[in-house]
Amino acid sequence: MREKRQAGHSAFPTGAKKRKGIRVIALVLSLILGLSAFAAWPGERAEAAGTTIDATKLKSISRLYFPMRDDKKQLYTLYLFAADEKKTVTTQDGAWAGANAGDVVYSGTYRAALLKSGKKTGSVQNVNLNFYSFNATRNESFRLPGDGKNRPDLVFLSEAASSNVNLIQGFVITGGTLHSLDVTDGNGKVWGKETAAAPKSAMRGLSGDRMQTRVYDNSSGRYRFDTYKLDLKQLKLRHADDLYAPSNAWPTGQGAHALLDSIKQSALKHALHGKRQVKIGMTEKQVRSIMGSPKQVENGEWGGYFGYGNLWVGFNDYMDQGKIPAHARVGELTTRLNGTFMRTHQVKEWLGTPQEEYEDELEGGYVMLYRWKNALLVFRYEYDGEPVHSFSIY
């Protein structure tokens, strides 16, 4: 700690001491300026956006590179480099989900530069990569090739978050400039720059400017698949669909978005989802003419029920000796989601916030309630975090 200057001592030297002091100050300043100039030499500084770098040098200082075609199908090479890059070899004590012992890991403040095909210099980009380390032994960042029509090549920089989850962020070239992509929900609300994906084979391209990620979800014991649609004008990856599946095989069926849209349409038509010929207000005779004899019959809390596998038709009066009264009409149409895994957050994303959500003290569990005009749709689940097990149309 520096001693305090005593009272009465001048802050600056005087007389002969003054000239000597000036020379000392000048010498110090010259050293500072010289060191600053040395730090600013090419290859030792953080390159400013717009700075050009010779192609040969760019290749030599870059740790990662990807060939990329822009929105006009022009070919570039994307280079990533860091002036402050450090190399470490992971020790046994330092091993974690993102690096095994012996893995080579590079870290630094990485910048991007684009080299247009046929050019001799590349241009440093202004985009924030938010990319500070990567495992060179694994090298899990990747390029998603364009579809040859509307979707250009995309590059995703990937960093480990856990043993089975990486966080990836996407980049695209338009107008000769590298841009980062926002990730949004189905309504365009920005979630951030990153989304979750598997460490390997994390994404595939789909038709219609779409792409799909997969990742293992520990909380459900299933694989989650998310579909995004590229909005090139807005530089966004808009969430378009999702689903959970027991296998990591790329899915071929519909996701939660399409399923919930279909369920909503059934509710608006007051029809049984999966058998829309059956509708609210029908008699027992009409139901039997469409569905045949029920596999199960029972009286519930509010009336009699016919069961057809995972489909249940409820009447507004009770059965008497196995028969539904002639005056009774269908008042409830229930579908049990046997084999379909759907979480409450999926329902809320694709159908919006429910008008009501509460604990059902009478029948147990919880309900989410949606109303449209004179249609009523109710989803049921056991407790928070558990999947939806059934829905009913009234």
Protein backbone atom coordinates (compact mmCIF):
# COMPACT_ATOMS: atom_id res chain seq x y z
CA MET A 1 0.00 0.00 0.00
CA ARG A 2 1.40 3.41 -0.94
CA GLU A 3 2.21 5.76 1.91
CA LYS A 4 0.15 8.92 2.19
CA ARG A 5 1.90 12.07 0.94
CA GLN A 6 2.81 14.32 3.88
CA ALA A 7 1.26 17.79 4.16
CA GLY A 8 3.47 20.57 2.77
CA HIS A 9 5.07 18.34 0.09
CA SER A 10 4.40 19.61 -3.43
CA ALA A 11 2.72 17.26 -5.87
CA PHE A 12 5.28 18.24 -8.54
CA PRO A 13 9.09 18.69 -8.25
CA THR A 14 10.62 22.19 -8.45
CA GLY A 15 13.94 23.68 -9.62
CA ALA A 16 16.63 21.21 -10.75
CA LYS A 17 14.55 18.41 -9.43
CA LYS A 18 11.78 19.62 -11.74
CA ARG A 19 13.86 19.09 -14.91
CA LYS A 20 14.92 15.65 -13.73
CA GLY A 21 11.31 14.81 -12.93
CA ILE A 22 10.17 15.88 -16.39
CA ARG A 23 12.74 13.58 -18.02
CA VAL A 24 11.54 10.68 -15.89
CA ILE A 25 7.92 11.36 -16.78
CA ALA A 26 8.78 11.60 -20.48
CA LEU A 27 10.64 8.29 -20.32
CA VAL A 28 7.70 6.57 -18.65
CA LEU A 29 5.26 7.98 -21.21
CA SER A 30 7.44 6.82 -24.10
CA LEU A 31 7.54 3.32 -22.64
CA ILE A 32 3.75 3.27 -22.25
CA LEU A 33 3.22 4.47 -25.82
CA GLY A 34 5.74 1.95 -27.12
CA LEU A 35 4.04 -0.90 -25.30
CA SER A 36 0.66 0.27 -26.59
CA ALA A 37 1.96 0.28 -30.15
CA PHE A 38 3.39 -3.21 -29.68
CA ALA A 39 0.03 -4.45 -28.34
CA ALA A 40 -1.70 -3.06 -31.43
CA TRP A 41 0.42 -5.00 -33.91
CA PRO A 42 -1.60 -7.24 -36.24
CA GLY A 43 -2.15 -10.69 -34.82
CA GLU A 44 -1.79 -9.45 -31.24
CA ARG A 45 -4.93 -7.33 -30.95
CA ALA A 46 -8.67 -7.80 -31.06
CA GLU A 47 -9.47 -6.90 -34.64
CA ALA A 48 -12.06 -4.15 -35.09
CA ALA A 49 -15.18 -4.87 -37.11
CA GLY A 50 -14.60 -4.09 -40.77
CA THR A 51 -10.87 -4.71 -40.54
CA THR A 52 -9.53 -6.74 -43.44
CA ILE A 53 -7.13 -9.63 -42.92
CA ASP A 54 -5.03 -11.33 -45.57
CA ALA A 55 -6.51 -14.71 -46.48
CA THR A 56 -3.30 -16.60 -45.73
CA LYS A 57 -2.99 -15.00 -42.31
CA LEU A 58 -6.68 -15.52 -41.60
CA LYS A 59 -6.30 -19.24 -42.18
CA SER A 60 -3.26 -19.39 -39.91
CA ILE A 61 -4.85 -17.60 -36.93
CA SER A 62 -8.29 -19.25 -37.10
CA ARG A 63 -9.19 -22.23 -34.98
CA LEU A 64 -12.51 -23.07 -36.68
CA TYR A 65 -13.81 -22.50 -40.18
CA PHE A 66 -16.94 -23.40 -42.15
CA PRO A 67 -17.84 -23.04 -45.84
CA MET A 68 -21.13 -21.14 -46.08
CA ARG A 69 -23.43 -20.02 -48.87
CA ASP A 70 -25.43 -16.86 -48.27
CA ASP A 71 -29.01 -16.02 -49.24
CA LYS A 72 -27.84 -15.41 -52.84
CA LYS A 73 -25.94 -18.75 -52.92
CA GLN A 74 -22.61 -16.90 -52.86
CA LEU A 75 -19.88 -19.02 -51.28
CA TYR A 76 -17.90 -17.72 -48.29
CA THR A 77 -15.66 -19.23 -45.65
CA LEU A 78 -16.46 -18.32 -42.06
CA TYR A 79 -13.36 -18.14 -39.86
CA LEU A 80 -13.33 -17.97 -36.05
CA PHE A 81 -10.27 -16.67 -34.22
CA ALA A 82 -9.29 -15.19 -30.85
CA ALA A 83 -6.31 -12.95 -30.15
CA ASP A 84 -6.36 -14.06 -26.50
CA GLU A 85 -6.80 -17.77 -27.23
CA LYS A 86 -5.51 -20.26 -24.67
CA LYS A 87 -5.06 -24.00 -24.98
CA THR A 88 -5.60 -26.42 -22.11
CA VAL A 89 -5.57 -30.18 -21.85
CA THR A 90 -8.27 -31.44 -19.53
CA THR A 91 -6.91 -33.17 -16.43
CA GLN A 92 -8.54 -36.03 -14.60
CA ASP A 93 -9.63 -33.65 -11.83
CA GLY A 94 -10.92 -31.11 -14.35
CA ALA A 95 -13.00 -33.57 -16.38
CA TRP A 96 -16.74 -32.91 -16.62
CA ALA A 97 -19.64 -33.52 -19.01
CA GLY A 98 -18.16 -31.11 -21.54
CA ALA A 99 -14.63 -32.54 -21.55
CA ASN A 100 -13.05 -35.88 -20.75
CA ALA A 101 -9.55 -36.21 -19.37
CA GLY A 102 -7.09 -35.58 -22.21
CA ASP A 103 -9.49 -33.48 -24.30
CA VAL A 104 -7.97 -30.34 -25.81
CA VAL A 105 -10.02 -27.24 -25.00
CA TYR A 106 -9.45 -23.78 -26.51
CA SER A 107 -10.81 -20.62 -24.91
CA GLY A 108 -10.79 -16.95 -25.73
CA THR A 109 -12.89 -14.06 -27.00
CA TYR A 110 -13.69 -15.41 -30.43
CA ARG A 111 -14.37 -13.15 -33.41
CA ALA A 112 -15.67 -13.97 -36.88
CA ALA A 113 -14.35 -13.07 -40.31
CA LEU A 114 -15.80 -13.79 -43.74
CA LEU A 115 -13.70 -14.59 -46.77
CA LYS A 116 -15.62 -14.38 -50.02
CA SER A 117 -14.72 -17.06 -52.53
CA GLY A 118 -11.94 -15.84 -54.87
CA LYS A 119 -10.96 -12.88 -52.67
CA LYS A 120 -7.53 -12.37 -51.10
CA THR A 121 -8.71 -10.68 -47.90
CA GLY A 122 -11.40 -11.43 -45.38
CA SER A 123 -13.48 -8.96 -43.37
CA VAL A 124 -13.89 -9.06 -39.58
CA GLN A 125 -17.58 -9.14 -38.65
CA ASN A 126 -19.41 -7.01 -36.10
CA VAL A 127 -21.61 -9.84 -34.78
CA ASN A 128 -21.31 -10.93 -31.13
CA LEU A 129 -20.57 -14.67 -31.23
CA ASN A 130 -20.99 -15.15 -27.48
CA PHE A 131 -18.58 -18.04 -27.97
CA TYR A 132 -15.72 -18.38 -25.51
CA SER A 133 -14.57 -21.99 -25.48
CA PHE A 134 -14.84 -25.23 -27.38
CA ASN A 135 -13.64 -28.78 -27.09
CA ALA A 136 -11.40 -29.35 -30.11
CA THR A 137 -11.38 -33.10 -29.47
CA ARG A 138 -15.14 -33.23 -29.99
CA ASN A 139 -15.74 -30.13 -32.14
CA GLU A 140 -19.54 -30.19 -31.85
CA SER A 141 -20.27 -26.97 -33.77
CA PHE A 142 -21.71 -27.67 -37.21
CA ARG A 143 -23.04 -26.34 -40.50
CA LEU A 144 -26.60 -27.07 -41.63
CA PRO A 145 -26.57 -27.08 -45.46
CA GLY A 146 -29.19 -24.96 -47.21
CA ASP A 147 -32.09 -26.54 -49.05
CA GLY A 148 -30.95 -25.20 -52.43
CA LYS A 149 -34.08 -23.03 -52.64
CA ASN A 150 -34.88 -20.47 -49.99
CA ARG A 151 -32.90 -21.50 -46.91
CA PRO A 152 -29.18 -20.60 -47.03
CA ASP A 153 -26.48 -22.45 -45.12
CA LEU A 154 -26.57 -21.96 -41.36
CA VAL A 155 -23.77 -22.44 -38.85
CA PHE A 156 -24.50 -23.41 -35.25
CA LEU A 157 -21.86 -22.85 -32.57
CA SER A 158 -22.26 -25.44 -29.85
CA GLU A 159 -21.10 -25.55 -26.23
CA ALA A 160 -21.77 -28.33 -23.71
CA ALA A 161 -24.27 -27.65 -20.92
CA SER A 162 -24.52 -31.19 -19.51
CA SER A 163 -23.73 -34.78 -20.48
CA ASN A 164 -26.57 -34.94 -23.01
CA VAL A 165 -27.42 -31.29 -23.69
CA ASN A 166 -25.55 -28.65 -25.68
CA LEU A 167 -26.57 -25.05 -26.17
CA ILE A 168 -26.41 -24.01 -29.82
CA GLN A 169 -26.71 -20.58 -31.46
CA GLY A 170 -27.29 -20.02 -35.15
CA PHE A 171 -25.70 -17.70 -37.71
CA VAL A 172 -26.51 -16.83 -41.32
CA ILE A 173 -24.95 -14.67 -44.05
CA THR A 174 -27.11 -12.11 -45.86
CA GLY A 175 -25.83 -9.24 -47.97
CA GLY A 176 -22.23 -10.26 -47.30
CA THR A 177 -22.64 -9.88 -43.52
CA LEU A 178 -22.77 -12.51 -40.79
CA HIS A 179 -25.82 -12.26 -38.53
CA SER A 180 -26.84 -14.09 -35.37
CA LEU A 181 -30.36 -15.54 -35.19
CA ASP A 182 -32.91 -14.97 -32.42
CA VAL A 183 -34.87 -17.97 -31.19
CA THR A 184 -38.57 -17.18 -30.63
CA ASP A 185 -41.75 -18.89 -29.53
CA GLY A 186 -44.59 -19.59 -31.92
CA ASN A 187 -45.85 -16.01 -31.61
CA GLY A 188 -42.45 -14.42 -32.32
CA LYS A 189 -41.55 -13.56 -28.72
CA VAL A 190 -37.78 -13.77 -28.40
CA TRP A 191 -36.49 -16.46 -26.04
CA GLY A 192 -32.83 -15.62 -26.63
CA LYS A 193 -29.99 -16.63 -28.94
CA GLU A 194 -29.61 -20.24 -27.81
CA THR A 195 -31.61 -23.44 -27.89
CA ALA A 196 -30.94 -26.94 -26.59
CA ALA A 197 -29.76 -29.78 -28.79
CA ALA A 198 -27.92 -33.08 -28.56
CA PRO A 199 -24.10 -33.03 -28.61
CA LYS A 200 -24.03 -35.03 -31.86
CA SER A 201 -26.46 -35.36 -34.80
CA ALA A 202 -28.34 -32.47 -33.22
CA MET A 203 -30.30 -31.14 -36.19
CA ARG A 204 -31.75 -31.99 -39.58
CA GLY A 205 -33.12 -29.79 -42.33
CA LEU A 206 -36.76 -30.01 -43.36
CA SER A 207 -38.74 -28.56 -46.24
CA GLY A 208 -40.30 -25.11 -46.12
CA ASP A 209 -37.36 -23.28 -44.46
CA ARG A 210 -37.71 -25.54 -41.43
CA MET A 211 -35.24 -27.48 -39.31
CA GLN A 212 -35.60 -29.86 -36.38
CA THR A 213 -33.48 -30.40 -33.26
CA ARG A 214 -33.42 -33.34 -30.91
CA VAL A 215 -32.19 -33.69 -27.35
CA TYR A 216 -32.70 -36.15 -24.51
CA ASP A 217 -34.90 -34.74 -21.75
CA ASN A 218 -33.93 -36.18 -18.38
CA SER A 219 -37.06 -34.98 -16.62
CA SER A 220 -39.36 -36.97 -18.90
CA GLY A 221 -37.07 -39.84 -19.86
CA ARG A 222 -37.84 -39.09 -23.51
CA TYR A 223 -36.34 -37.38 -26.52
CA ARG A 224 -37.66 -33.94 -27.33
CA PHE A 225 -37.88 -32.79 -30.93
CA ASP A 226 -38.35 -29.09 -31.74
CA THR A 227 -39.12 -27.72 -35.20
CA TYR A 228 -38.11 -24.17 -36.13
CA LYS A 229 -38.91 -22.11 -39.20
CA LEU A 230 -36.33 -19.64 -40.49
CA ASP A 231 -37.57 -16.08 -40.92
CA LEU A 232 -34.71 -14.65 -42.94
CA LYS A 233 -36.04 -11.08 -43.06
CA GLN A 234 -36.43 -10.91 -39.29
CA LEU A 235 -33.33 -13.06 -38.62
CA LYS A 236 -35.33 -15.37 -36.39
CA LEU A 237 -35.79 -19.07 -35.81
CA ARG A 238 -39.48 -19.27 -34.96
CA HIS A 239 -40.64 -22.28 -32.94
CA ALA A 240 -43.13 -24.13 -35.16
CA ASP A 241 -43.78 -27.49 -33.46
CA ASP A 242 -42.50 -29.94 -30.85
CA LEU A 243 -43.03 -33.45 -29.54
CA TYR A 244 -41.69 -36.00 -27.08
CA ALA A 245 -40.86 -39.56 -28.15
CA PRO A 246 -39.32 -42.62 -26.47
CA SER A 247 -36.82 -43.15 -29.32
CA ASN A 248 -34.14 -40.87 -30.75
CA ALA A 249 -35.24 -41.76 -34.30
CA TRP A 250 -36.33 -38.69 -36.25
CA PRO A 251 -40.16 -38.56 -36.03
CA THR A 252 -42.47 -38.86 -39.01
CA GLY A 253 -45.82 -38.05 -37.37
CA GLN A 254 -47.41 -34.80 -36.26
CA GLY A 255 -46.17 -32.81 -33.29
CA ALA A 256 -48.00 -31.13 -30.43
CA HIS A 257 -48.80 -27.98 -32.44
CA ALA A 258 -50.64 -29.87 -35.17
CA LEU A 259 -52.33 -32.16 -32.63
CA LEU A 260 -53.55 -29.28 -30.49
CA ASP A 261 -54.83 -27.40 -33.55
CA SER A 262 -56.82 -30.51 -34.45
CA ILE A 263 -58.14 -30.86 -30.89
CA LYS A 264 -59.26 -27.22 -30.94
CA GLN A 265 -61.11 -27.78 -34.22
CA SER A 266 -62.89 -30.78 -32.67
CA ALA A 267 -63.91 -28.61 -29.72
CA LEU A 268 -65.26 -25.86 -31.98
CA LYS A 269 -67.34 -28.48 -33.80
CA HIS A 270 -68.45 -30.07 -30.51
CA ALA A 271 -67.16 -33.37 -31.88
CA LEU A 272 -65.28 -36.34 -30.46
CA HIS A 273 -61.62 -36.01 -31.37
CA GLY A 274 -60.64 -39.01 -33.46
CA LYS A 275 -64.29 -39.70 -34.42
CA ARG A 276 -65.88 -36.39 -35.31
CA GLN A 277 -69.16 -37.97 -36.43
CA VAL A 278 -69.99 -38.26 -32.72
CA LYS A 279 -71.16 -34.92 -31.36
CA ILE A 280 -72.52 -33.20 -28.30
CA GLY A 281 -76.33 -33.53 -28.13
CA MET A 282 -76.59 -37.01 -29.74
CA THR A 283 -78.70 -39.81 -28.30
CA GLU A 284 -77.45 -43.22 -27.25
CA LYS A 285 -78.94 -44.72 -30.41
CA GLN A 286 -77.07 -42.27 -32.64
CA VAL A 287 -73.80 -42.97 -30.82
CA ARG A 288 -74.22 -46.72 -31.20
CA SER A 289 -74.97 -46.37 -34.91
CA ILE A 290 -71.56 -44.72 -35.37
CA MET A 291 -69.38 -46.38 -32.73
CA GLY A 292 -71.11 -49.74 -32.25
CA SER A 293 -71.48 -51.40 -28.86
CA PRO A 294 -69.25 -49.91 -26.19
CA LYS A 295 -66.39 -51.96 -24.79
CA GLN A 296 -67.00 -50.47 -21.36
CA VAL A 297 -70.02 -48.93 -19.65
CA GLU A 298 -70.06 -47.18 -16.29
CA ASN A 299 -71.70 -44.45 -14.30
CA GLY A 300 -69.49 -41.50 -13.50
CA GLU A 301 -69.87 -38.45 -11.30
CA TRP A 302 -72.37 -36.74 -13.61
CA GLY A 303 -73.89 -39.51 -15.75
CA GLY A 304 -73.36 -42.67 -17.74
CA TYR A 305 -70.31 -43.31 -19.93
CA PHE A 306 -69.59 -45.48 -22.96
CA GLY A 307 -65.95 -46.46 -23.40
CA TYR A 308 -64.34 -47.23 -26.78
CA GLY A 309 -60.67 -47.77 -26.00
CA ASN A 310 -59.20 -44.33 -25.29
CA LEU A 311 -62.43 -42.57 -26.39
CA TRP A 312 -65.25 -41.98 -23.91
CA VAL A 313 -68.74 -40.64 -24.52
CA GLY A 314 -70.54 -39.18 -21.50
CA PHE A 315 -74.31 -38.65 -21.20
CA ASN A 316 -76.15 -36.12 -19.06
CA ASP A 317 -78.05 -38.80 -17.14
CA TYR A 318 -77.14 -42.04 -15.43
CA MET A 319 -77.47 -45.56 -16.76
CA ASP A 320 -80.20 -47.67 -15.24
CA GLN A 321 -79.67 -51.42 -15.47
CA GLY A 322 -77.09 -50.92 -18.20
CA LYS A 323 -79.30 -48.62 -20.30
CA ILE A 324 -79.07 -44.92 -21.00
CA PRO A 325 -82.46 -43.16 -20.63
CA ALA A 326 -84.05 -42.20 -23.97
CA HIS A 327 -84.12 -38.51 -23.02
CA ALA A 328 -80.38 -38.41 -22.21
CA ARG A 329 -78.01 -36.65 -24.57
CA VAL A 330 -74.24 -36.63 -25.04
CA GLY A 331 -72.75 -33.91 -22.85
CA GLU A 332 -69.06 -34.87 -22.68
CA LEU A 333 -66.51 -36.23 -25.15
CA THR A 334 -63.24 -37.38 -23.60
CA THR A 335 -60.01 -38.60 -25.17
CA ARG A 336 -57.35 -40.26 -23.04
CA LEU A 337 -53.82 -39.63 -24.29
CA ASN A 338 -52.62 -43.20 -24.09
CA GLY A 339 -49.22 -43.35 -25.79
CA THR A 340 -49.08 -39.60 -26.45
CA PHE A 341 -46.80 -37.59 -24.15
CA MET A 342 -47.85 -33.95 -23.89
CA ARG A 343 -46.82 -31.42 -21.29
CA THR A 344 -48.76 -28.44 -20.03
CA HIS A 345 -46.22 -25.95 -21.43
CA GLN A 346 -46.92 -27.32 -24.92
CA VAL A 347 -50.66 -26.77 -24.50
CA LYS A 348 -50.05 -23.21 -23.33
CA GLU A 349 -47.66 -22.36 -26.14
CA TRP A 350 -49.91 -23.61 -28.94
CA LEU A 351 -53.34 -22.75 -27.50
CA GLY A 352 -52.39 -19.73 -25.42
CA THR A 353 -52.94 -19.05 -21.73
CA PRO A 354 -55.97 -20.96 -20.39
CA GLN A 355 -58.92 -18.98 -19.10
CA GLU A 356 -58.74 -21.01 -15.90
CA GLU A 357 -56.22 -23.37 -14.29
CA TYR A 358 -56.88 -24.86 -10.90
CA GLU A 359 -56.85 -27.95 -8.69
CA ASP A 360 -59.92 -30.14 -9.12
CA GLU A 361 -60.75 -30.97 -5.52
CA LEU A 362 -63.76 -33.06 -6.51
CA GLU A 363 -62.20 -35.42 -9.05
CA GLY A 364 -58.52 -34.93 -8.16
CA GLY A 365 -55.62 -33.58 -10.17
CA TYR A 366 -55.52 -30.27 -12.03
CA VAL A 367 -57.36 -28.81 -15.00
CA MET A 368 -56.68 -26.20 -17.70
CA LEU A 369 -59.83 -24.75 -19.18
CA TYR A 370 -60.24 -23.10 -22.61
CA ARG A 371 -63.39 -21.43 -23.99
CA TRP A 372 -64.11 -20.38 -27.58
CA LYS A 373 -67.58 -19.02 -28.31
CA ASN A 374 -69.84 -21.80 -26.99
CA ALA A 375 -67.11 -24.47 -27.01
CA LEU A 376 -65.42 -25.70 -23.84
CA LEU A 377 -62.17 -27.71 -23.77
CA VAL A 378 -60.63 -29.05 -20.56
CA PHE A 379 -57.17 -30.66 -20.17
CA ARG A 380 -56.40 -32.78 -17.12
CA TYR A 381 -53.10 -33.68 -15.45
CA GLU A 382 -52.15 -35.19 -12.10
CA TYR A 383 -49.85 -32.47 -10.75
CA ASP A 384 -47.37 -29.83 -11.84
CA GLY A 385 -44.66 -31.27 -14.06
CA GLU A 386 -46.70 -34.33 -15.01
CA PRO A 387 -47.97 -34.76 -18.59
CA VAL A 388 -51.57 -34.21 -19.66
CA HIS A 389 -53.44 -37.52 -19.40
CA SER A 390 -56.77 -36.60 -21.03
CA PHE A 391 -58.94 -33.82 -22.45
CA SER A 392 -62.69 -33.36 -22.61
CA ILE A 393 -64.96 -31.40 -24.91
CA TYR A 394 -68.28 -30.04 -23.60
